[in-house]
C-alpha atoms as a PDB file:
ATOM      1  CA  UNK A   1      11.008  16.203  38.730  1.00  0.00           C
ATOM      2  CA  UNK A   2       9.485  12.707  38.721  1.00  0.00           C
ATOM      3  CA  UNK A   3       7.429  13.502  35.611  1.00  0.00           C
ATOM      4  CA  UNK A   4      10.578  14.578  33.772  1.00  0.00           C
ATOM      5  CA  UNK A   5      12.287  11.305  34.666  1.00  0.00           C
ATOM      6  CA  UNK A   6       9.198   9.348  33.612  1.00  0.00           C
ATOM      7  CA  UNK A   7       9.308  11.049  30.203  1.00  0.00           C
ATOM      8  CA  UNK A   8      13.000  10.212  29.832  1.00  0.00           C
ATOM      9  CA  UNK A   9      12.249   6.607  30.765  1.00  0.00           C
ATOM     10  CA  UNK A  10       9.416   6.386  28.214  1.00  0.00           C
ATOM     11  CA  UNK A  11      11.735   7.761  25.535  1.00  0.00           C
ATOM     12  CA  UNK A  12      14.531   5.330  26.418  1.00  0.00           C
ATOM     13  CA  UNK A  13      12.058   2.431  26.059  1.00  0.00           C
ATOM     14  CA  UNK A  14      10.933   3.758  22.631  1.00  0.00           C
ATOM     15  CA  UNK A  15       7.379   4.307  23.863  1.00  0.00           C
ATOM     16  CA  UNK A  16       7.393   7.960  22.791  1.00  0.00           C
ATOM     17  CA  UNK A  17       9.272   9.646  19.951  1.00  0.00           C
ATOM     18  CA  UNK A  18      11.626  12.652  20.036  1.00  0.00           C
ATOM     19  CA  UNK A  19       8.951  15.146  19.041  1.00  0.00           C
ATOM     20  CA  UNK A  20       6.655  14.067  21.872  1.00  0.00           C
ATOM     21  CA  UNK A  21       9.537  14.065  24.349  1.00  0.00           C
ATOM     22  CA  UNK A  22      10.678  17.576  23.452  1.00  0.00           C
ATOM     23  CA  UNK A  23       7.142  18.983  23.471  1.00  0.00           C
ATOM     24  CA  UNK A  24       6.396  17.469  26.907  1.00  0.00           C
ATOM     25  CA  UNK A  25       9.780  18.391  28.398  1.00  0.00           C
ATOM     26  CA  UNK A  26       9.433  21.997  27.246  1.00  0.00           C
ATOM     27  CA  UNK A  27       6.861  22.433  30.032  1.00  0.00           C
ATOM     28  CA  UNK A  28       9.587  21.615  32.571  1.00  0.00           C
ATOM     29  CA  UNK A  29      12.710  23.277  31.155  1.00  0.00           C
ATOM     30  CA  UNK A  30      11.272  25.496  28.417  1.00  0.00           C
ATOM     31  CA  UNK A  31      11.851  28.608  30.527  1.00  0.00           C
ATOM     32  CA  UNK A  32      15.599  28.297  30.054  1.00  0.00           C
ATOM     33  CA  UNK A  33      16.440  28.485  26.321  1.00  0.00           C
ATOM     34  CA  UNK A  34      20.052  27.411  26.905  1.00  0.00           C
ATOM     35  CA  UNK A  35      18.997  24.321  28.878  1.00  0.00           C
ATOM     36  CA  UNK A  36      16.333  23.506  26.290  1.00  0.00           C
ATOM     37  CA  UNK A  37      18.872  23.807  23.452  1.00  0.00           C
ATOM     38  CA  UNK A  38      21.258  21.502  25.362  1.00  0.00           C
ATOM     39  CA  UNK A  39      18.452  18.967  25.899  1.00  0.00           C
ATOM     40  CA  UNK A  40      17.526  19.016  22.190  1.00  0.00           C
ATOM     41  CA  UNK A  41      21.163  18.427  21.270  1.00  0.00           C
ATOM     42  CA  UNK A  42      21.386  15.586  23.764  1.00  0.00           C
ATOM     43  CA  UNK A  43      18.396  13.727  22.264  1.00  0.00           C
ATOM     44  CA  UNK A  44      19.453  14.692  18.699  1.00  0.00           C
ATOM     45  CA  UNK A  45      16.291  16.668  18.011  1.00  0.00           C
ATOM     46  CA  UNK A  46      16.598  18.545  14.723  1.00  0.00           C
ATOM     47  CA  UNK A  47      13.168  20.193  14.727  1.00  0.00           C
ATOM     48  CA  UNK A  48      12.030  18.890  11.362  1.00  0.00           C
ATOM     49  CA  UNK A  49       8.722  17.098  11.133  1.00  0.00           C
ATOM     50  CA  UNK A  50       8.801  13.415  10.300  1.00  0.00           C
ATOM     51  CA  UNK A  51       6.780  12.445   7.261  1.00  0.00           C
ATOM     52  CA  UNK A  52       5.046   9.139   7.736  1.00  0.00           C
ATOM     53  CA  UNK A  53       3.465   7.560   4.693  1.00  0.00           C
ATOM     54  CA  UNK A  54       0.386   5.558   5.489  1.00  0.00           C
ATOM     55  CA  UNK A  55       0.763   2.742   2.978  1.00  0.00           C
ATOM     56  CA  UNK A  56      -1.299  -0.386   3.567  1.00  0.00           C
ATOM     57  CA  UNK A  57       0.564  -3.635   3.898  1.00  0.00           C
ATOM     58  CA  UNK A  58       0.354  -5.880   0.857  1.00  0.00           C
ATOM     59  CA  UNK A  59      -1.823  -8.945   1.438  1.00  0.00           C
ATOM     60  CA  UNK A  60       0.256 -12.001   2.189  1.00  0.00           C
ATOM     61  CA  UNK A  61      -2.269 -14.470   0.835  1.00  0.00           C
ATOM     62  CA  UNK A  62      -2.391 -16.273   4.167  1.00  0.00           C
ATOM     63  CA  UNK A  63      -5.596 -16.534   6.146  1.00  0.00           C
ATOM     64  CA  UNK A  64      -5.513 -15.340   9.728  1.00  0.00           C
ATOM     65  CA  UNK A  65      -7.102 -18.181  11.649  1.00  0.00           C
ATOM     66  CA  UNK A  66      -8.004 -15.873  14.509  1.00  0.00           C
ATOM     67  CA  UNK A  67     -10.490 -14.168  12.149  1.00  0.00           C
ATOM     68  CA  UNK A  68     -12.169 -17.454  11.152  1.00  0.00           C
ATOM     69  CA  UNK A  69     -15.244 -18.834  12.899  1.00  0.00           C
ATOM     70  CA  UNK A  70     -14.459 -21.438  15.555  1.00  0.00           C
ATOM     71  CA  UNK A  71     -15.798 -24.925  15.004  1.00  0.00           C
ATOM     72  CA  UNK A  72     -15.003 -26.510  18.339  1.00  0.00           C
ATOM     73  CA  UNK A  73     -11.908 -25.895  20.434  1.00  0.00           C
ATOM     74  CA  UNK A  74      -9.313 -26.713  17.778  1.00  0.00           C
ATOM     75  CA  UNK A  75     -10.959 -26.293  14.350  1.00  0.00           C
ATOM     76  CA  UNK A  76     -11.667 -23.155  12.301  1.00  0.00           C
ATOM     77  CA  UNK A  77     -14.052 -22.715   9.384  1.00  0.00           C
ATOM     78  CA  UNK A  78     -12.084 -21.365   6.436  1.00  0.00           C
ATOM     79  CA  UNK A  79     -13.579 -18.730   4.127  1.00  0.00           C
ATOM     80  CA  UNK A  80     -15.014 -19.975   0.825  1.00  0.00           C
ATOM     81  CA  UNK A  81     -12.396 -18.040  -1.148  1.00  0.00           C
ATOM     82  CA  UNK A  82      -9.687 -20.312   0.241  1.00  0.00           C
ATOM     83  CA  UNK A  83      -9.006 -23.443  -1.734  1.00  0.00           C
ATOM     84  CA  UNK A  84      -6.958 -26.145  -0.123  1.00  0.00           C
ATOM     85  CA  UNK A  85      -4.714 -28.159  -2.364  1.00  0.00           C
ATOM     86  CA  UNK A  86      -2.782 -31.106  -1.115  1.00  0.00           C
ATOM     87  CA  UNK A  87       0.094 -32.087  -3.385  1.00  0.00           C
ATOM     88  CA  UNK A  88       0.106 -35.612  -1.987  1.00  0.00           C
ATOM     89  CA  UNK A  89      -3.526 -36.239  -3.016  1.00  0.00           C
ATOM     90  CA  UNK A  90      -2.669 -36.436  -6.711  1.00  0.00           C
ATOM     91  CA  UNK A  91       0.029 -38.988  -5.909  1.00  0.00           C
ATOM     92  CA  UNK A  92      -2.471 -41.035  -3.880  1.00  0.00           C
ATOM     93  CA  UNK A  93      -4.978 -40.986  -6.743  1.00  0.00           C
ATOM     94  CA  UNK A  94      -2.319 -42.180  -9.165  1.00  0.00           C
ATOM     95  CA  UNK A  95      -1.307 -44.932  -6.749  1.00  0.00           C
ATOM     96  CA  UNK A  96      -4.930 -45.987  -6.349  1.00  0.00           C
ATOM     97  CA  UNK A  97      -5.374 -46.274 -10.130  1.00  0.00           C
ATOM     98  CA  UNK A  98      -2.215 -48.371 -10.392  1.00  0.00           C
ATOM     99  CA  UNK A  99      -3.349 -50.654  -7.568  1.00  0.00           C
ATOM    100  CA  UNK A 100      -6.849 -51.118  -9.000  1.00  0.00           C
ATOM    101  CA  UNK A 101      -5.328 -52.247 -12.302  1.00  0.00           C
ATOM    102  CA  UNK A 102      -3.115 -54.714 -10.507  1.00  0.00           C
ATOM    103  CA  UNK A 103      -4.234 -58.366 -10.865  1.00  0.00           C
ATOM    104  CA  UNK A 104      -3.457 -59.043  -7.214  1.00  0.00           C
ATOM    105  CA  UNK A 105      -5.906 -56.417  -5.969  1.00  0.00           C
ATOM    106  CA  UNK A 106      -8.511 -57.479  -8.509  1.00  0.00           C
ATOM    107  CA  UNK A 107      -8.347 -61.074  -7.249  1.00  0.00           C
ATOM    108  CA  UNK A 108      -9.188 -59.944  -3.740  1.00  0.00           C
ATOM    109  CA  UNK A 109     -12.081 -57.792  -4.956  1.00  0.00           C
ATOM    110  CA  UNK A 110     -13.858 -60.609  -6.819  1.00  0.00           C
ATOM    111  CA  UNK A 111     -16.603 -62.376  -4.896  1.00  0.00           C
END
């Protein structure tokens, strides 16, 4: 009796599916066809096989850092295929060019 209740608990927690539940429970109440039919109706078991398509998930383009080699406690070595672009770097380069052409900066740079 405890095993039957354990199976019902596993099913209610979505740890096993209907097909597994019915096949395991048939060992307990399979001798009574009327009780088994009532149980199948109660769990909405229709008897058809579920078709599961095994389609791989499309790559997201993001690197999983847990798969990268650790470089100390808080740094990871990124794969060579990953290029890091910082949008603010181009702005900093432009600002640097503007500042270098400024006469105020040039006066400080002269010996």
